[in-house]
N, C-alpha and C. Protein backbone atom coordinates (compact mmCIF):
# COMPACT_ATOMS: atom_id res chain seq x y z
N MET A 1 22.00 -9.26 -14.95
CA MET A 1 21.18 -8.18 -14.96
C MET A 1 19.90 -8.01 -14.28
N SER A 2 19.47 -6.93 -14.11
CA SER A 2 18.35 -6.68 -13.24
C SER A 2 16.89 -6.52 -13.50
N GLU A 3 16.45 -7.22 -12.66
CA GLU A 3 14.95 -7.10 -13.58
C GLU A 3 13.98 -5.72 -13.82
N PRO A 4 13.27 -5.17 -14.68
CA PRO A 4 12.83 -4.34 -14.63
C PRO A 4 11.64 -3.86 -13.48
N GLU A 5 11.49 -2.75 -12.64
CA GLU A 5 10.58 -2.44 -11.89
C GLU A 5 8.87 -2.43 -12.15
N ILE A 6 8.41 -3.26 -11.37
CA ILE A 6 6.98 -3.07 -11.43
C ILE A 6 6.17 -2.04 -10.78
N ALA A 7 5.28 -1.59 -11.87
CA ALA A 7 4.16 -0.73 -11.47
C ALA A 7 2.93 -1.11 -10.83
N VAL A 8 2.91 -0.52 -9.83
CA VAL A 8 1.48 -0.82 -9.12
C VAL A 8 0.63 0.48 -8.64
N THR A 9 -0.65 0.24 -8.39
CA THR A 9 -1.36 1.10 -8.56
C THR A 9 -2.14 1.23 -6.73
N ILE A 10 -1.81 2.53 -5.99
CA ILE A 10 -2.22 2.31 -4.59
C ILE A 10 -3.79 2.88 -4.29
N LYS A 11 -4.58 2.31 -4.15
CA LYS A 11 -5.75 3.23 -3.44
C LYS A 11 -5.52 3.62 -1.95
N LEU A 12 -6.17 4.69 -1.90
CA LEU A 12 -6.06 5.08 -0.73
C LEU A 12 -7.53 5.51 0.03
N PHE A 13 -7.84 5.16 1.24
CA PHE A 13 -8.71 5.35 1.98
C PHE A 13 -8.44 5.99 3.45
N ALA A 14 -9.25 6.53 3.72
CA ALA A 14 -9.52 7.14 5.34
C ALA A 14 -7.89 8.15 5.47
N ALA A 15 -7.22 7.69 6.63
CA ALA A 15 -6.13 8.11 7.05
C ALA A 15 -5.21 8.28 5.67
N TYR A 16 -5.20 7.22 4.92
CA TYR A 16 -3.67 7.26 3.66
C TYR A 16 -4.28 8.56 3.08
N GLN A 17 -5.68 8.61 2.90
CA GLN A 17 -6.04 9.41 1.86
C GLN A 17 -5.98 10.96 2.14
N GLU A 18 -6.47 11.28 3.57
CA GLU A 18 -5.96 12.70 4.28
C GLU A 18 -4.63 13.20 4.14
N ALA A 19 -3.93 11.94 4.39
CA ALA A 19 -2.43 12.10 4.42
C ALA A 19 -1.76 12.67 2.84
N TYR A 20 -1.94 12.19 2.32
CA TYR A 20 -1.97 12.48 0.61
C TYR A 20 -2.89 13.83 -0.53
N GLY A 21 -3.90 13.39 -0.15
CA GLY A 21 -4.31 14.46 -0.24
C GLY A 21 -5.59 13.37 -1.90
N LEU A 22 -5.03 12.57 -2.12
CA LEU A 22 -5.22 11.57 -3.19
C LEU A 22 -5.98 10.86 -3.42
N PRO A 23 -6.78 10.21 -3.79
CA PRO A 23 -7.54 9.02 -4.03
C PRO A 23 -6.57 7.93 -4.47
N GLU A 24 -5.77 8.17 -5.15
CA GLU A 24 -4.82 7.11 -5.51
C GLU A 24 -3.36 7.24 -5.90
N LEU A 25 -2.56 6.50 -6.02
CA LEU A 25 -1.10 6.48 -6.30
C LEU A 25 -0.61 5.73 -6.99
N GLN A 26 0.64 6.32 -7.74
CA GLN A 26 1.19 5.15 -9.00
C GLN A 26 2.40 5.27 -8.35
N ARG A 27 3.07 4.02 -8.13
CA ARG A 27 4.31 3.33 -7.57
C ARG A 27 4.84 2.23 -8.38
N LYS A 28 6.70 2.83 -8.32
CA LYS A 28 7.37 1.56 -8.30
C LYS A 28 7.98 1.08 -7.73
N PHE A 29 7.86 -0.68 -7.92
CA PHE A 29 8.93 -1.35 -6.79
C PHE A 29 9.89 -2.00 -7.63
N PRO A 30 10.90 -2.72 -6.98
CA PRO A 30 11.22 -4.07 -7.28
C PRO A 30 10.79 -5.33 -7.65
N PRO A 31 11.10 -5.90 -8.66
CA PRO A 31 10.19 -7.04 -8.75
C PRO A 31 10.08 -8.17 -7.11
N HIS A 32 8.80 -8.86 -7.01
CA HIS A 32 9.28 -9.48 -5.85
C HIS A 32 9.11 -9.00 -4.16
N THR A 33 8.51 -7.15 -4.57
CA THR A 33 8.35 -6.98 -3.24
C THR A 33 6.96 -7.09 -2.14
N PRO A 34 7.16 -7.64 -1.15
CA PRO A 34 5.99 -7.96 -0.45
C PRO A 34 5.35 -6.90 -0.16
N VAL A 35 4.16 -6.94 -0.32
CA VAL A 35 2.91 -5.84 -0.57
C VAL A 35 3.34 -4.52 1.34
N ALA A 36 3.70 -5.27 1.89
CA ALA A 36 3.80 -4.38 3.06
C ALA A 36 4.79 -3.45 3.06
N ALA A 37 5.48 -3.24 1.82
CA ALA A 37 6.37 -2.39 1.68
C ALA A 37 6.05 -1.06 1.29
N VAL A 38 4.51 -1.33 0.78
CA VAL A 38 3.87 -0.14 0.22
C VAL A 38 3.51 0.69 1.55
N LEU A 39 3.11 -0.12 2.57
CA LEU A 39 2.82 0.54 3.47
C LEU A 39 4.18 1.24 4.17
N GLU A 40 5.21 0.70 4.68
CA GLU A 40 6.38 1.47 4.61
C GLU A 40 6.98 2.71 3.85
N SER A 41 6.91 2.43 2.75
CA SER A 41 7.07 3.72 1.82
C SER A 41 5.93 4.86 2.27
N ALA A 42 5.07 4.56 2.45
CA ALA A 42 3.85 5.85 2.89
C ALA A 42 4.13 6.23 4.28
N ILE A 43 4.28 5.50 5.33
CA ILE A 43 5.02 6.10 6.24
C ILE A 43 6.07 6.61 6.35
N ALA A 44 7.08 6.02 5.11
CA ALA A 44 8.46 6.62 5.63
C ALA A 44 7.51 8.47 4.50
N GLU A 45 7.01 8.44 3.72
CA GLU A 45 6.48 9.94 2.91
C GLU A 45 5.85 10.70 4.13
N HIS A 46 5.07 10.12 4.86
CA HIS A 46 3.79 10.56 5.83
C HIS A 46 3.92 10.07 7.01
N PRO A 47 5.15 10.57 8.25
CA PRO A 47 5.53 9.96 9.39
C PRO A 47 3.83 9.72 10.22
N GLU A 48 3.03 10.32 10.14
CA GLU A 48 2.12 11.09 10.96
C GLU A 48 1.09 9.59 10.85
N LEU A 49 1.53 8.48 9.66
CA LEU A 49 0.57 6.96 9.27
C LEU A 49 1.33 6.61 10.40
N GLN A 50 2.23 5.98 10.88
CA GLN A 50 2.96 5.52 11.66
C GLN A 50 1.98 4.85 12.43
N GLN A 51 0.78 5.55 13.20
CA GLN A 51 0.31 5.03 14.09
C GLN A 51 -0.53 3.76 13.56
N TRP A 52 -0.76 3.84 12.72
CA TRP A 52 -1.63 2.93 11.92
C TRP A 52 -0.94 1.69 11.18
N ARG A 53 0.09 1.34 11.42
CA ARG A 53 1.05 0.68 11.05
C ARG A 53 0.59 -0.88 11.10
N GLU A 54 0.38 -1.29 12.58
CA GLU A 54 0.13 -2.35 13.16
C GLU A 54 -1.68 -2.73 12.75
N LEU A 55 -1.98 -1.61 12.43
CA LEU A 55 -3.44 -1.65 12.48
C LEU A 55 -4.07 -1.87 10.72
N THR A 56 -3.03 -1.70 9.88
CA THR A 56 -3.55 -1.97 8.30
C THR A 56 -3.25 -2.68 7.66
N ARG A 57 -4.69 -3.51 7.28
CA ARG A 57 -4.44 -4.83 6.37
C ARG A 57 -4.49 -4.37 5.34
N PHE A 58 -4.02 -5.40 4.32
CA PHE A 58 -3.76 -5.39 2.91
C PHE A 58 -4.60 -5.82 1.75
N GLY A 59 -5.04 -5.34 1.05
CA GLY A 59 -5.62 -6.03 -0.43
C GLY A 59 -4.87 -5.83 -1.56
N ILE A 60 -4.68 -6.56 -2.64
CA ILE A 60 -4.60 -6.66 -3.77
C ILE A 60 -5.47 -7.46 -4.73
N ASN A 61 -5.88 -6.57 -5.91
CA ASN A 61 -6.98 -6.78 -6.57
C ASN A 61 -8.68 -7.38 -6.15
N LEU A 62 -8.42 -6.73 -4.94
CA LEU A 62 -9.47 -6.58 -4.58
C LEU A 62 -9.66 -7.94 -3.47
N GLN A 63 -8.81 -8.44 -3.07
CA GLN A 63 -8.41 -9.77 -2.44
C GLN A 63 -7.80 -9.06 -1.06
N PHE A 64 -8.17 -9.75 0.38
CA PHE A 64 -7.20 -9.50 1.41
C PHE A 64 -6.07 -10.31 1.31
N VAL A 65 -4.51 -9.63 1.59
CA VAL A 65 -3.95 -10.81 1.04
C VAL A 65 -2.80 -10.49 2.55
N GLU A 66 -1.87 -11.49 3.04
CA GLU A 66 -1.00 -11.47 3.95
C GLU A 66 -0.04 -10.59 3.71
N PRO A 67 0.79 -9.60 4.95
CA PRO A 67 1.72 -8.69 4.30
C PRO A 67 3.37 -9.05 3.55
N ASP A 68 3.19 -10.36 3.47
CA ASP A 68 4.40 -11.08 2.97
C ASP A 68 4.23 -11.12 1.40
N THR A 69 2.97 -10.90 1.10
CA THR A 69 2.09 -11.26 -0.40
C THR A 69 3.03 -10.27 -1.24
N PRO A 70 3.89 -11.21 -2.30
CA PRO A 70 4.70 -10.52 -3.11
C PRO A 70 3.97 -9.74 -4.18
N LEU A 71 3.99 -8.19 -4.77
CA LEU A 71 3.76 -7.78 -5.77
C LEU A 71 3.47 -7.80 -6.97
N GLN A 72 3.22 -7.75 -7.96
CA GLN A 72 2.93 -8.13 -9.53
C GLN A 72 2.94 -6.97 -10.04
N ASP A 73 3.00 -6.89 -11.19
CA ASP A 73 3.30 -5.52 -12.46
C ASP A 73 1.73 -5.55 -12.30
N GLY A 74 1.35 -3.96 -12.77
CA GLY A 74 -0.05 -4.20 -12.37
C GLY A 74 -0.93 -4.44 -11.48
N ASP A 75 -0.45 -4.46 -10.54
CA ASP A 75 -0.96 -4.94 -9.24
C ASP A 75 -2.07 -3.78 -8.73
N GLU A 76 -3.31 -3.76 -7.99
CA GLU A 76 -3.94 -2.51 -7.17
C GLU A 76 -3.93 -3.22 -6.20
N VAL A 77 -3.18 -2.04 -5.37
CA VAL A 77 -2.87 -2.58 -4.12
C VAL A 77 -3.78 -1.39 -3.05
N VAL A 78 -4.66 -1.77 -1.80
CA VAL A 78 -5.23 -1.60 -1.29
C VAL A 78 -4.79 -1.11 0.11
N LEU A 79 -4.55 -0.22 1.05
CA LEU A 79 -3.99 0.36 2.38
C LEU A 79 -5.52 0.23 2.93
N ILE A 80 -5.67 -0.85 4.21
CA ILE A 80 -7.10 -0.92 4.64
C ILE A 80 -6.74 -0.15 6.20
N PRO A 81 -6.93 0.75 6.58
CA PRO A 81 -6.72 1.61 7.63
C PRO A 81 -8.17 0.67 8.53
N PRO A 82 -8.19 0.71 10.01
CA PRO A 82 -9.06 0.08 10.85
C PRO A 82 -10.64 1.32 10.73
N VAL A 83 -11.26 1.00 10.35
CA VAL A 83 -12.50 1.83 10.36
C VAL A 83 -13.37 1.70 11.48
N SER A 84 -13.60 2.93 12.01
CA SER A 84 -14.53 3.50 12.96
C SER A 84 -15.82 4.03 12.39
N GLY A 85 -16.87 3.82 13.58
CA GLY A 85 -18.13 4.42 13.45
C GLY A 85 -19.06 3.33 13.16
N GLY A 86 -20.39 3.76 13.01
CA GLY A 86 -21.79 2.80 12.91
C GLY A 86 -22.84 3.40 12.17
């Protein structure tokens, strides 16, 4: 019997927010999905985000995490593209 999917909130900033035209998304993933899969799904939906793949950092519940950190139900995920300016 398969486990139910988990629901996460994805906060969007900079290039990600521009691509989606939204400040956040709700998505479902299989249990134990790594946070990097959130970025992969965003790139699949908006290929122009490909340029940010290697530069994006990940946050879960207001903490920086490694790309292989597994998602939990109810997590708030942040995709953090490089920020320029000063």
